[in-house]
Amino acid sequence: MENPVLYIVIPCYNEEEVLPLTAPQFLKQLTDMMSAGLISDKSRILFVNDGSRDTTWEVISSLSASDARYKGICLSRNRGHQNALLAGLHEALEQGADITVSIDCDGQDDITAMSRMVEEYHKGSEIVYGVRSSRDTDKFMKRFTARSYYKLLKVMGADVVYDHADYRLVSAKVLREFENFTEVNIYLRGMFPLVGFKSTSVYYERKEREAGKSHYPLSKMLSLAFDGITSLSIKPIRIITGIGGFVALFSFIFIIYSFVGFFTGNTVPGWASTSSIICFLCGVQLLSLGVIGEYIGKIYLETKRRPRFIISERTPENSEDE
């Protein structure tokens, strides 16, 4: 059996500072796996420029010109990390990849863990998740919010791997089936478990970022979390139904209580109880409408069937690829 062709898929957004540092590390890992007989010498590193505003694409083009094992595609505009990653996976599949490993370009994920991922693939796994072995390097708030996030996803019914982000190996067999998932609102770390096939996990320690700044502030993390919940679960709608039933029951009991008080002459004029109930009910209604509206908005986007990404440019084919 021939060694599989591996494509390392790396989404990039405004990474001009970190790419010159991490690109050689990715190349070294690729050549090490080739030397170890784990992958084919046709394996490549594929950078995906997600509409960067700096010179990221120029850096990628320069890398591609310097070595045939570097390849790159440029999206027509910024589409977000998940869509950029999906674009890279589709491109890798079209280029003939047998397996892909997706990883961020900041150097925080342990690059050497790829070898163990490929070994697990040789043992029969079609998906290998890269999972953090600990969060000791995170600050308290980051650690607390991350753990709460994964627990919330589980409670809401999303099938996710705890402490796994987007560092994973996926076979071409899985990617071909994944192409049938055509929704616009995507959350890859929760969607790949839905495909099935044999899977396992590889554990590693996460490091500090090599250079530059993180592009995932709290606002984006919260947005990603909410997308993950609403893309994979309808449990919030069911929770709203439960709250609605409870409030309706409470209101019915209160109406009976009011009638009894009125006929027994125990009513006391006042606005506090009335206004409190009205505010409570209005708050529940507005919150419920907001959650339902989020789902309706996603349905609206899905019905448009707009493309999830558009590739505007590719690095030129090197003579070694021909």
C-alpha atoms as a PDB file:
ATOM      1  CA  MET A   1       0.000   0.000   0.000  1.00  0.00           C
ATOM      2  CA  GLU A   2       1.367   3.399  -0.985  1.00  0.00           C
ATOM      3  CA  ASN A   3       1.919   6.053   1.619  1.00  0.00           C
ATOM      4  CA  PRO A   4      -0.984   8.544   1.810  1.00  0.00           C
ATOM      5  CA  VAL A   5      -0.747  12.044   0.382  1.00  0.00           C
ATOM      6  CA  LEU A   6      -1.114  14.477   3.267  1.00  0.00           C
ATOM      7  CA  TYR A   7      -2.193  18.107   2.988  1.00  0.00           C
ATOM      8  CA  ILE A   8      -1.658  20.296   6.052  1.00  0.00           C
ATOM      9  CA  VAL A   9      -4.443  22.891   5.834  1.00  0.00           C
ATOM     10  CA  ILE A  10      -3.691  26.178   7.608  1.00  0.00           C
ATOM     11  CA  PRO A  11      -6.205  29.084   7.697  1.00  0.00           C
ATOM     12  CA  CYS A  12      -4.521  32.507   7.922  1.00  0.00           C
ATOM     13  CA  TYR A  13      -5.916  35.929   8.740  1.00  0.00           C
ATOM     14  CA  ASN A  14      -3.507  38.856   9.195  1.00  0.00           C
ATOM     15  CA  GLU A  15      -0.604  36.531  10.039  1.00  0.00           C
ATOM     16  CA  GLU A  16       2.313  38.353   8.366  1.00  0.00           C
ATOM     17  CA  GLU A  17       4.280  38.323  11.639  1.00  0.00           C
ATOM     18  CA  VAL A  18       3.884  34.675  12.568  1.00  0.00           C
ATOM     19  CA  LEU A  19       3.971  32.915   9.177  1.00  0.00           C
ATOM     20  CA  PRO A  20       7.729  33.387   8.548  1.00  0.00           C
ATOM     21  CA  LEU A  21       8.332  31.753  11.951  1.00  0.00           C
ATOM     22  CA  THR A  22       5.935  28.816  11.787  1.00  0.00           C
ATOM     23  CA  ALA A  23       6.053  27.931   8.066  1.00  0.00           C
ATOM     24  CA  PRO A  24       9.559  26.378   8.371  1.00  0.00           C
ATOM     25  CA  GLN A  25       8.329  24.380  11.365  1.00  0.00           C
ATOM     26  CA  PHE A  26       5.452  22.963   9.335  1.00  0.00           C
ATOM     27  CA  LEU A  27       7.841  22.125   6.482  1.00  0.00           C
ATOM     28  CA  LYS A  28      10.259  20.383   8.844  1.00  0.00           C
ATOM     29  CA  GLN A  29       7.431  18.284  10.276  1.00  0.00           C
ATOM     30  CA  LEU A  30       6.282  17.400   6.764  1.00  0.00           C
ATOM     31  CA  THR A  31       9.766  16.277   5.701  1.00  0.00           C
ATOM     32  CA  ASP A  32      10.239  14.334   8.958  1.00  0.00           C
ATOM     33  CA  MET A  33       7.039  12.369   8.281  1.00  0.00           C
ATOM     34  CA  MET A  34       8.167  11.739   4.709  1.00  0.00           C
ATOM     35  CA  SER A  35      11.538  10.450   5.936  1.00  0.00           C
ATOM     36  CA  ALA A  36       9.788   8.207   8.461  1.00  0.00           C
ATOM     37  CA  GLY A  37       7.744   6.633   5.663  1.00  0.00           C
ATOM     38  CA  LEU A  38       4.434   7.834   7.094  1.00  0.00           C
ATOM     39  CA  ILE A  39       3.322   9.944   4.129  1.00  0.00           C
ATOM     40  CA  SER A  40       3.979  10.353   0.411  1.00  0.00           C
ATOM     41  CA  ASP A  41       6.591  12.760  -0.932  1.00  0.00           C
ATOM     42  CA  LYS A  42       3.695  14.386  -2.833  1.00  0.00           C
ATOM     43  CA  SER A  43       2.342  15.760   0.437  1.00  0.00           C
ATOM     44  CA  ARG A  44       1.945  19.520   0.699  1.00  0.00           C
ATOM     45  CA  ILE A  45       1.285  22.451   3.048  1.00  0.00           C
ATOM     46  CA  LEU A  46      -1.782  24.459   2.016  1.00  0.00           C
ATOM     47  CA  PHE A  47      -2.246  27.983   3.381  1.00  0.00           C
ATOM     48  CA  VAL A  48      -5.697  29.612   3.128  1.00  0.00           C
ATOM     49  CA  ASN A  49      -5.643  33.403   3.147  1.00  0.00           C
ATOM     50  CA  ASP A  50      -8.952  34.470   4.674  1.00  0.00           C
ATOM     51  CA  GLY A  51      -9.134  37.959   3.160  1.00  0.00           C
ATOM     52  CA  SER A  52      -6.230  39.316   5.219  1.00  0.00           C
ATOM     53  CA  ARG A  53      -5.693  43.080   5.301  1.00  0.00           C
ATOM     54  CA  ASP A  54      -1.940  42.858   5.711  1.00  0.00           C
ATOM     55  CA  THR A  55       0.732  41.182   3.557  1.00  0.00           C
ATOM     56  CA  THR A  56      -0.223  37.611   4.489  1.00  0.00           C
ATOM     57  CA  TRP A  57      -0.964  36.655   0.868  1.00  0.00           C
ATOM     58  CA  GLU A  58       2.363  38.100  -0.294  1.00  0.00           C
ATOM     59  CA  VAL A  59       4.126  36.003   2.363  1.00  0.00           C
ATOM     60  CA  ILE A  60       2.263  32.871   1.231  1.00  0.00           C
ATOM     61  CA  SER A  61       3.104  33.580  -2.422  1.00  0.00           C
ATOM     62  CA  SER A  62       6.765  34.052  -1.526  1.00  0.00           C
ATOM     63  CA  LEU A  63       6.820  30.758   0.384  1.00  0.00           C
ATOM     64  CA  SER A  64       5.206  28.963  -2.556  1.00  0.00           C
ATOM     65  CA  ALA A  65       7.776  30.392  -4.964  1.00  0.00           C
ATOM     66  CA  SER A  66      10.625  29.262  -2.700  1.00  0.00           C
ATOM     67  CA  ASP A  67       9.470  25.653  -2.231  1.00  0.00           C
ATOM     68  CA  ALA A  68       6.990  23.494  -4.183  1.00  0.00           C
ATOM     69  CA  ARG A  69       5.723  21.918  -0.991  1.00  0.00           C
ATOM     70  CA  TYR A  70       4.068  25.222  -0.018  1.00  0.00           C
ATOM     71  CA  LYS A  71       0.754  25.961  -1.721  1.00  0.00           C
ATOM     72  CA  GLY A  72      -1.827  28.652  -1.132  1.00  0.00           C
ATOM     73  CA  ILE A  73      -5.315  29.833  -1.980  1.00  0.00           C
ATOM     74  CA  CYS A  74      -6.769  33.283  -1.374  1.00  0.00           C
ATOM     75  CA  LEU A  75     -10.443  33.867  -0.562  1.00  0.00           C
ATOM     76  CA  SER A  76     -12.177  36.817  -2.214  1.00  0.00           C
ATOM     77  CA  ARG A  77     -13.013  38.317   1.190  1.00  0.00           C
ATOM     78  CA  ASN A  78     -12.888  37.486   4.855  1.00  0.00           C
ATOM     79  CA  ARG A  79     -15.341  34.647   5.515  1.00  0.00           C
ATOM     80  CA  GLY A  80     -14.281  33.630   9.004  1.00  0.00           C
ATOM     81  CA  HIS A  81     -12.098  30.833  10.322  1.00  0.00           C
ATOM     82  CA  GLN A  82     -14.591  28.001   9.805  1.00  0.00           C
ATOM     83  CA  ASN A  83     -15.319  28.820   6.164  1.00  0.00           C
ATOM     84  CA  ALA A  84     -11.625  29.382   5.425  1.00  0.00           C
ATOM     85  CA  LEU A  85     -10.824  25.982   6.904  1.00  0.00           C
ATOM     86  CA  LEU A  86     -13.617  24.369   4.904  1.00  0.00           C
ATOM     87  CA  ALA A  87     -12.290  25.974   1.713  1.00  0.00           C
ATOM     88  CA  GLY A  88      -8.845  24.502   2.410  1.00  0.00           C
ATOM     89  CA  LEU A  89     -10.269  21.029   3.030  1.00  0.00           C
ATOM     90  CA  HIS A  90     -12.237  21.105  -0.226  1.00  0.00           C
ATOM     91  CA  GLU A  91      -9.163  22.328  -2.122  1.00  0.00           C
ATOM     92  CA  ALA A  92      -6.993  19.593  -0.615  1.00  0.00           C
ATOM     93  CA  LEU A  93      -9.515  16.943  -1.624  1.00  0.00           C
ATOM     94  CA  GLU A  94      -9.597  18.276  -5.187  1.00  0.00           C
ATOM     95  CA  GLN A  95      -5.785  18.260  -5.273  1.00  0.00           C
ATOM     96  CA  GLY A  96      -5.752  14.537  -4.508  1.00  0.00           C
ATOM     97  CA  ALA A  97      -5.104  14.448  -0.760  1.00  0.00           C
ATOM     98  CA  ASP A  98      -5.681  11.097   0.959  1.00  0.00           C
ATOM     99  CA  ILE A  99      -5.641  12.721   4.385  1.00  0.00           C
ATOM    100  CA  THR A 100      -5.679  16.277   5.719  1.00  0.00           C
ATOM    101  CA  VAL A 101      -4.528  17.778   8.978  1.00  0.00           C
ATOM    102  CA  SER A 102      -6.021  21.155   9.874  1.00  0.00           C
ATOM    103  CA  ILE A 103      -4.115  23.398  12.262  1.00  0.00           C
ATOM    104  CA  ASP A 104      -3.826  27.092  13.108  1.00  0.00           C
ATOM    105  CA  CYS A 105      -0.734  28.933  11.922  1.00  0.00           C
ATOM    106  CA  ASP A 106       0.173  30.546  15.271  1.00  0.00           C
ATOM    107  CA  GLY A 107       2.356  27.654  16.467  1.00  0.00           C
ATOM    108  CA  GLN A 108       0.390  27.054  19.672  1.00  0.00           C
ATOM    109  CA  ASP A 109      -0.679  23.518  18.758  1.00  0.00           C
ATOM    110  CA  ASP A 110       2.048  20.881  18.995  1.00  0.00           C
ATOM    111  CA  ILE A 111       3.094  20.338  15.378  1.00  0.00           C
ATOM    112  CA  THR A 112       4.876  17.078  16.208  1.00  0.00           C
ATOM    113  CA  ALA A 113       1.533  15.530  17.238  1.00  0.00           C
ATOM    114  CA  MET A 114       0.808  15.169  13.504  1.00  0.00           C
ATOM    115  CA  SER A 115       3.054  12.117  13.366  1.00  0.00           C
ATOM    116  CA  ARG A 116       0.940  10.366  15.984  1.00  0.00           C
ATOM    117  CA  MET A 117      -2.217  11.383  14.111  1.00  0.00           C
ATOM    118  CA  VAL A 118      -0.924   9.812  10.896  1.00  0.00           C
ATOM    119  CA  GLU A 119       0.088   6.683  12.817  1.00  0.00           C
ATOM    120  CA  GLU A 120      -3.478   6.402  14.129  1.00  0.00           C
ATOM    121  CA  TYR A 121      -4.714   6.735  10.546  1.00  0.00           C
ATOM    122  CA  HIS A 122      -2.470   3.825   9.518  1.00  0.00           C
ATOM    123  CA  LYS A 123      -4.075   1.831  12.345  1.00  0.00           C
ATOM    124  CA  GLY A 124      -7.513   2.366  10.834  1.00  0.00           C
ATOM    125  CA  SER A 125      -8.881   5.657  12.210  1.00  0.00           C
ATOM    126  CA  GLU A 126     -10.547   7.956   9.663  1.00  0.00           C
ATOM    127  CA  ILE A 127     -10.720  10.963  12.024  1.00  0.00           C
ATOM    128  CA  VAL A 128      -8.093  11.795  14.654  1.00  0.00           C
ATOM    129  CA  TYR A 129      -8.859  14.646  17.033  1.00  0.00           C
ATOM    130  CA  GLY A 130      -6.067  16.730  18.519  1.00  0.00           C
ATOM    131  CA  VAL A 131      -7.060  17.272  22.157  1.00  0.00           C
ATOM    132  CA  ARG A 132      -5.358  19.455  24.738  1.00  0.00           C
ATOM    133  CA  SER A 133      -4.093  17.364  27.643  1.00  0.00           C
ATOM    134  CA  SER A 134      -4.449  20.290  30.079  1.00  0.00           C
ATOM    135  CA  ARG A 135      -5.209  24.001  30.326  1.00  0.00           C
ATOM    136  CA  ASP A 136      -2.571  24.856  32.920  1.00  0.00           C
ATOM    137  CA  THR A 137      -1.094  27.583  30.698  1.00  0.00           C
ATOM    138  CA  ASP A 138      -4.432  29.405  30.429  1.00  0.00           C
ATOM    139  CA  LYS A 139      -5.452  32.206  32.743  1.00  0.00           C
ATOM    140  CA  PHE A 140      -8.260  31.459  35.188  1.00  0.00           C
ATOM    141  CA  MET A 141     -10.969  33.269  33.221  1.00  0.00           C
ATOM    142  CA  LYS A 142      -9.948  31.628  29.935  1.00  0.00           C
ATOM    143  CA  ARG A 143      -9.885  28.200  31.585  1.00  0.00           C
ATOM    144  CA  PHE A 144     -13.253  28.767  33.279  1.00  0.00           C
ATOM    145  CA  THR A 145     -15.028  30.049  30.162  1.00  0.00           C
ATOM    146  CA  ALA A 146     -13.597  27.265  27.968  1.00  0.00           C
ATOM    147  CA  ARG A 147     -14.727  24.514  30.323  1.00  0.00           C
ATOM    148  CA  SER A 148     -18.129  26.136  30.764  1.00  0.00           C
ATOM    149  CA  TYR A 149     -18.410  26.408  26.987  1.00  0.00           C
ATOM    150  CA  TYR A 150     -17.841  22.703  26.354  1.00  0.00           C
ATOM    151  CA  LYS A 151     -20.187  21.725  29.186  1.00  0.00           C
ATOM    152  CA  LEU A 152     -22.869  24.026  27.794  1.00  0.00           C
ATOM    153  CA  LEU A 153     -22.534  22.481  24.335  1.00  0.00           C
ATOM    154  CA  LYS A 154     -22.923  19.015  25.824  1.00  0.00           C
ATOM    155  CA  VAL A 155     -25.996  20.079  27.822  1.00  0.00           C
ATOM    156  CA  MET A 156     -27.511  21.584  24.682  1.00  0.00           C
ATOM    157  CA  GLY A 157     -27.097  18.277  22.855  1.00  0.00           C
ATOM    158  CA  ALA A 158     -24.106  19.117  20.623  1.00  0.00           C
ATOM    159  CA  ASP A 159     -21.775  16.151  20.092  1.00  0.00           C
ATOM    160  CA  VAL A 160     -18.346  17.721  20.577  1.00  0.00           C
ATOM    161  CA  VAL A 161     -14.970  16.413  21.739  1.00  0.00           C
ATOM    162  CA  TYR A 162     -13.977  18.079  25.020  1.00  0.00           C
ATOM    163  CA  ASP A 163     -10.966  20.429  24.704  1.00  0.00           C
ATOM    164  CA  HIS A 164     -10.735  19.870  20.942  1.00  0.00           C
ATOM    165  CA  ALA A 165     -10.666  22.908  18.655  1.00  0.00           C
ATOM    166  CA  ASP A 166      -9.835  22.492  14.960  1.00  0.00           C
ATOM    167  CA  TYR A 167      -6.612  20.492  15.089  1.00  0.00           C
ATOM    168  CA  ARG A 168      -7.589  17.186  13.502  1.00  0.00           C
ATOM    169  CA  LEU A 169      -6.760  14.617  10.871  1.00  0.00           C
ATOM    170  CA  VAL A 170      -9.536  13.735   8.433  1.00  0.00           C
ATOM    171  CA  SER A 171      -9.369  11.140   5.660  1.00  0.00           C
ATOM    172  CA  ALA A 172     -10.546  11.700   2.089  1.00  0.00           C
ATOM    173  CA  LYS A 173     -13.307   9.150   2.701  1.00  0.00           C
ATOM    174  CA  VAL A 174     -14.741  11.332   5.458  1.00  0.00           C
ATOM    175  CA  LEU A 175     -14.342  14.536   3.431  1.00  0.00           C
ATOM    176  CA  ARG A 176     -16.232  13.054   0.504  1.00  0.00           C
ATOM    177  CA  GLU A 177     -19.144  12.262   2.808  1.00  0.00           C
ATOM    178  CA  PHE A 178     -18.803  15.645   4.482  1.00  0.00           C
ATOM    179  CA  GLU A 179     -19.451  17.320   1.136  1.00  0.00           C
ATOM    180  CA  ASN A 180     -23.090  16.273   1.580  1.00  0.00           C
ATOM    181  CA  PHE A 181     -23.322  18.675   4.537  1.00  0.00           C
ATOM    182  CA  THR A 182     -24.332  21.762   2.590  1.00  0.00           C
ATOM    183  CA  GLU A 183     -25.494  24.132   5.335  1.00  0.00           C
ATOM    184  CA  VAL A 184     -24.196  27.691   5.375  1.00  0.00           C
ATOM    185  CA  ASN A 185     -23.966  28.014   9.163  1.00  0.00           C
ATOM    186  CA  ILE A 186     -21.104  25.673   9.945  1.00  0.00           C
ATOM    187  CA  TYR A 187     -19.391  24.610  13.154  1.00  0.00           C
ATOM    188  CA  LEU A 188     -16.803  22.062  12.071  1.00  0.00           C
ATOM    189  CA  ARG A 189     -15.736  20.775  15.469  1.00  0.00           C
ATOM    190  CA  GLY A 190     -19.329  19.716  16.089  1.00  0.00           C
ATOM    191  CA  MET A 191     -20.109  18.565  12.543  1.00  0.00           C
ATOM    192  CA  PHE A 192     -17.319  16.042  11.974  1.00  0.00           C
ATOM    193  CA  PRO A 193     -18.515  13.781  14.819  1.00  0.00           C
ATOM    194  CA  LEU A 194     -21.880  13.652  13.001  1.00  0.00           C
ATOM    195  CA  VAL A 195     -20.242  12.051   9.940  1.00  0.00           C
ATOM    196  CA  GLY A 196     -19.269   8.990  11.936  1.00  0.00           C
ATOM    197  CA  PHE A 197     -16.484   6.543  10.937  1.00  0.00           C
ATOM    198  CA  LYS A 198     -13.815   5.229  13.280  1.00  0.00           C
ATOM    199  CA  SER A 199     -12.171   8.008  15.297  1.00  0.00           C
ATOM    200  CA  THR A 200      -9.681   8.476  18.094  1.00  0.00           C
ATOM    201  CA  SER A 201      -7.843  11.274  19.898  1.00  0.00           C
ATOM    202  CA  VAL A 202      -4.229  12.341  20.274  1.00  0.00           C
ATOM    203  CA  TYR A 203      -3.323  14.436  23.319  1.00  0.00           C
ATOM    204  CA  TYR A 204      -0.785  17.247  23.365  1.00  0.00           C
ATOM    205  CA  GLU A 205       0.355  20.299  25.325  1.00  0.00           C
ATOM    206  CA  ARG A 206      -0.501  23.721  23.904  1.00  0.00           C
ATOM    207  CA  LYS A 207       2.150  26.448  23.821  1.00  0.00           C
ATOM    208  CA  GLU A 208       2.147  30.225  23.723  1.00  0.00           C
ATOM    209  CA  ARG A 209       1.569  31.975  20.407  1.00  0.00           C
ATOM    210  CA  GLU A 210       4.788  32.390  18.374  1.00  0.00           C
ATOM    211  CA  ALA A 211       4.082  36.011  17.365  1.00  0.00           C
ATOM    212  CA  GLY A 212       1.294  38.448  16.563  1.00  0.00           C
ATOM    213  CA  LYS A 213      -2.040  38.732  18.324  1.00  0.00           C
ATOM    214  CA  SER A 214      -4.905  36.314  18.752  1.00  0.00           C
ATOM    215  CA  HIS A 215      -7.818  36.916  16.381  1.00  0.00           C
ATOM    216  CA  TYR A 216     -10.315  35.344  18.749  1.00  0.00           C
ATOM    217  CA  PRO A 217     -11.334  37.945  21.355  1.00  0.00           C
ATOM    218  CA  LEU A 218     -14.155  37.225  23.812  1.00  0.00           C
ATOM    219  CA  SER A 219     -16.799  38.583  21.425  1.00  0.00           C
ATOM    220  CA  LYS A 220     -15.775  36.175  18.644  1.00  0.00           C
ATOM    221  CA  MET A 221     -15.563  33.270  21.086  1.00  0.00           C
ATOM    222  CA  LEU A 222     -19.096  33.986  22.313  1.00  0.00           C
ATOM    223  CA  SER A 223     -20.314  34.263  18.724  1.00  0.00           C
ATOM    224  CA  LEU A 224     -18.678  30.934  17.844  1.00  0.00           C
ATOM    225  CA  ALA A 225     -20.222  29.316  20.909  1.00  0.00           C
ATOM    226  CA  PHE A 226     -23.690  30.580  20.014  1.00  0.00           C
ATOM    227  CA  ASP A 227     -23.238  29.445  16.403  1.00  0.00           C
ATOM    228  CA  GLY A 228     -22.208  26.027  17.661  1.00  0.00           C
ATOM    229  CA  ILE A 229     -25.319  25.688  19.805  1.00  0.00           C
ATOM    230  CA  THR A 230     -27.818  26.964  17.234  1.00  0.00           C
ATOM    231  CA  SER A 231     -26.191  25.062  14.358  1.00  0.00           C
ATOM    232  CA  LEU A 232     -26.198  21.700  16.093  1.00  0.00           C
ATOM    233  CA  SER A 233     -29.107  21.714  18.527  1.00  0.00           C
ATOM    234  CA  ILE A 234     -32.744  22.770  18.847  1.00  0.00           C
ATOM    235  CA  LYS A 235     -32.654  22.347  22.612  1.00  0.00           C
ATOM    236  CA  PRO A 236     -32.881  26.132  23.277  1.00  0.00           C
ATOM    237  CA  ILE A 237     -36.260  26.097  21.512  1.00  0.00           C
ATOM    238  CA  ARG A 238     -37.374  23.228  23.725  1.00  0.00           C
ATOM    239  CA  ILE A 239     -36.133  25.056  26.805  1.00  0.00           C
ATOM    240  CA  ILE A 240     -38.215  28.063  25.764  1.00  0.00           C
ATOM    241  CA  THR A 241     -41.231  25.762  25.406  1.00  0.00           C
ATOM    242  CA  GLY A 242     -40.608  24.468  28.915  1.00  0.00           C
ATOM    243  CA  ILE A 243     -40.268  27.976  30.327  1.00  0.00           C
ATOM    244  CA  GLY A 244     -43.427  29.014  28.511  1.00  0.00           C
ATOM    245  CA  GLY A 245     -45.319  26.106  30.025  1.00  0.00           C
ATOM    246  CA  PHE A 246     -44.033  26.906  33.506  1.00  0.00           C
ATOM    247  CA  VAL A 247     -44.925  30.591  33.195  1.00  0.00           C
ATOM    248  CA  ALA A 248     -48.376  29.702  31.853  1.00  0.00           C
ATOM    249  CA  LEU A 249     -48.961  27.375  34.804  1.00  0.00           C
ATOM    250  CA  PHE A 250     -47.723  29.995  37.255  1.00  0.00           C
ATOM    251  CA  SER A 251     -49.978  32.623  35.661  1.00  0.00           C
ATOM    252  CA  PHE A 252     -52.995  30.301  35.823  1.00  0.00           C
ATOM    253  CA  ILE A 253     -52.387  29.628  39.535  1.00  0.00           C
ATOM    254  CA  PHE A 254     -51.988  33.345  40.181  1.00  0.00           C
ATOM    255  CA  ILE A 255     -55.285  34.086  38.385  1.00  0.00           C
ATOM    256  CA  ILE A 256     -57.079  31.558  40.619  1.00  0.00           C
ATOM    257  CA  TYR A 257     -55.410  33.114  43.657  1.00  0.00           C
ATOM    258  CA  SER A 258     -56.549  36.586  42.550  1.00  0.00           C
ATOM    259  CA  PHE A 259     -60.157  35.447  42.106  1.00  0.00           C
ATOM    260  CA  VAL A 260     -60.167  33.772  45.514  1.00  0.00           C
ATOM    261  CA  GLY A 261     -58.731  36.899  47.116  1.00  0.00           C
ATOM    262  CA  PHE A 262     -61.264  39.109  45.365  1.00  0.00           C
ATOM    263  CA  PHE A 263     -64.290  37.104  46.474  1.00  0.00           C
ATOM    264  CA  THR A 264     -63.022  36.718  50.052  1.00  0.00           C
ATOM    265  CA  GLY A 265     -62.206  40.418  50.338  1.00  0.00           C
ATOM    266  CA  ASN A 266     -58.487  39.892  51.016  1.00  0.00           C
ATOM    267  CA  THR A 267     -57.196  41.968  48.118  1.00  0.00           C
ATOM    268  CA  VAL A 268     -54.912  44.915  48.843  1.00  0.00           C
ATOM    269  CA  PRO A 269     -54.620  47.663  46.198  1.00  0.00           C
ATOM    270  CA  GLY A 270     -51.075  48.003  44.910  1.00  0.00           C
ATOM    271  CA  TRP A 271     -48.951  48.074  41.845  1.00  0.00           C
ATOM    272  CA  ALA A 272     -45.789  46.282  42.995  1.00  0.00           C
ATOM    273  CA  SER A 273     -46.997  42.714  42.426  1.00  0.00           C
ATOM    274  CA  THR A 274     -48.701  43.600  39.147  1.00  0.00           C
ATOM    275  CA  SER A 275     -45.729  45.449  37.690  1.00  0.00           C
ATOM    276  CA  SER A 276     -43.334  42.706  38.799  1.00  0.00           C
ATOM    277  CA  ILE A 277     -45.355  40.035  37.036  1.00  0.00           C
ATOM    278  CA  ILE A 278     -45.683  42.152  33.897  1.00  0.00           C
ATOM    279  CA  CYS A 279     -41.915  42.827  33.809  1.00  0.00           C
ATOM    280  CA  PHE A 280     -41.183  39.150  34.368  1.00  0.00           C
ATOM    281  CA  LEU A 281     -43.481  38.031  31.579  1.00  0.00           C
ATOM    282  CA  CYS A 282     -42.188  40.694  29.187  1.00  0.00           C
ATOM    283  CA  GLY A 283     -38.596  39.662  29.904  1.00  0.00           C
ATOM    284  CA  VAL A 284     -39.355  35.996  29.211  1.00  0.00           C
ATOM    285  CA  GLN A 285     -41.179  36.890  26.003  1.00  0.00           C
ATOM    286  CA  LEU A 286     -38.397  39.108  24.673  1.00  0.00           C
ATOM    287  CA  LEU A 287     -35.720  36.539  25.502  1.00  0.00           C
ATOM    288  CA  SER A 288     -37.758  33.818  23.827  1.00  0.00           C
ATOM    289  CA  LEU A 289     -38.350  35.945  20.738  1.00  0.00           C
ATOM    290  CA  GLY A 290     -34.610  36.663  20.542  1.00  0.00           C
ATOM    291  CA  VAL A 291     -33.647  32.985  20.544  1.00  0.00           C
ATOM    292  CA  ILE A 292     -36.411  32.065  18.092  1.00  0.00           C
ATOM    293  CA  GLY A 293     -35.357  34.992  15.904  1.00  0.00           C
ATOM    294  CA  GLU A 294     -31.798  33.675  15.813  1.00  0.00           C
ATOM    295  CA  TYR A 295     -33.036  30.367  14.437  1.00  0.00           C
ATOM    296  CA  ILE A 296     -35.278  32.120  11.921  1.00  0.00           C
ATOM    297  CA  GLY A 297     -32.299  34.224  10.804  1.00  0.00           C
ATOM    298  CA  LYS A 298     -30.248  31.082  10.208  1.00  0.00           C
ATOM    299  CA  ILE A 299     -33.119  29.543   8.238  1.00  0.00           C
ATOM    300  CA  TYR A 300     -33.226  32.725   6.157  1.00  0.00           C
ATOM    301  CA  LEU A 301     -29.511  32.455   5.369  1.00  0.00           C
ATOM    302  CA  GLU A 302     -29.806  28.760   4.544  1.00  0.00           C
ATOM    303  CA  THR A 303     -32.612  29.339   2.055  1.00  0.00           C
ATOM    304  CA  LYS A 304     -30.446  31.792   0.082  1.00  0.00           C
ATOM    305  CA  ARG A 305     -27.920  29.013  -0.658  1.00  0.00           C
ATOM    306  CA  ARG A 306     -25.103  31.503  -1.044  1.00  0.00           C
ATOM    307  CA  PRO A 307     -21.582  30.074  -1.470  1.00  0.00           C
ATOM    308  CA  ARG A 308     -19.714  29.570   1.768  1.00  0.00           C
ATOM    309  CA  PHE A 309     -16.482  30.805   0.213  1.00  0.00           C
ATOM    310  CA  ILE A 310     -15.097  32.052  -3.100  1.00  0.00           C
ATOM    311  CA  ILE A 311     -11.478  31.417  -4.088  1.00  0.00           C
ATOM    312  CA  SER A 312     -10.129  34.445  -5.932  1.00  0.00           C
ATOM    313  CA  GLU A 313      -6.531  33.334  -6.441  1.00  0.00           C
ATOM    314  CA  ARG A 314      -4.174  30.380  -6.178  1.00  0.00           C
ATOM    315  CA  THR A 315      -0.413  30.253  -5.984  1.00  0.00           C
ATOM    316  CA  PRO A 316       1.113  29.240  -9.356  1.00  0.00           C
ATOM    317  CA  GLU A 317       1.862  25.571  -9.942  1.00  0.00           C
ATOM    318  CA  ASN A 318       5.513  24.779  -9.372  1.00  0.00           C
ATOM    319  CA  SER A 319       7.341  22.670 -11.947  1.00  0.00           C
ATOM    320  CA  GLU A 320       7.896  20.011  -9.275  1.00  0.00           C
ATOM    321  CA  ASP A 321       4.109  19.585  -9.006  1.00  0.00           C
ATOM    322  CA  GLU A 322       3.596  18.967 -12.693  1.00  0.00           C
END
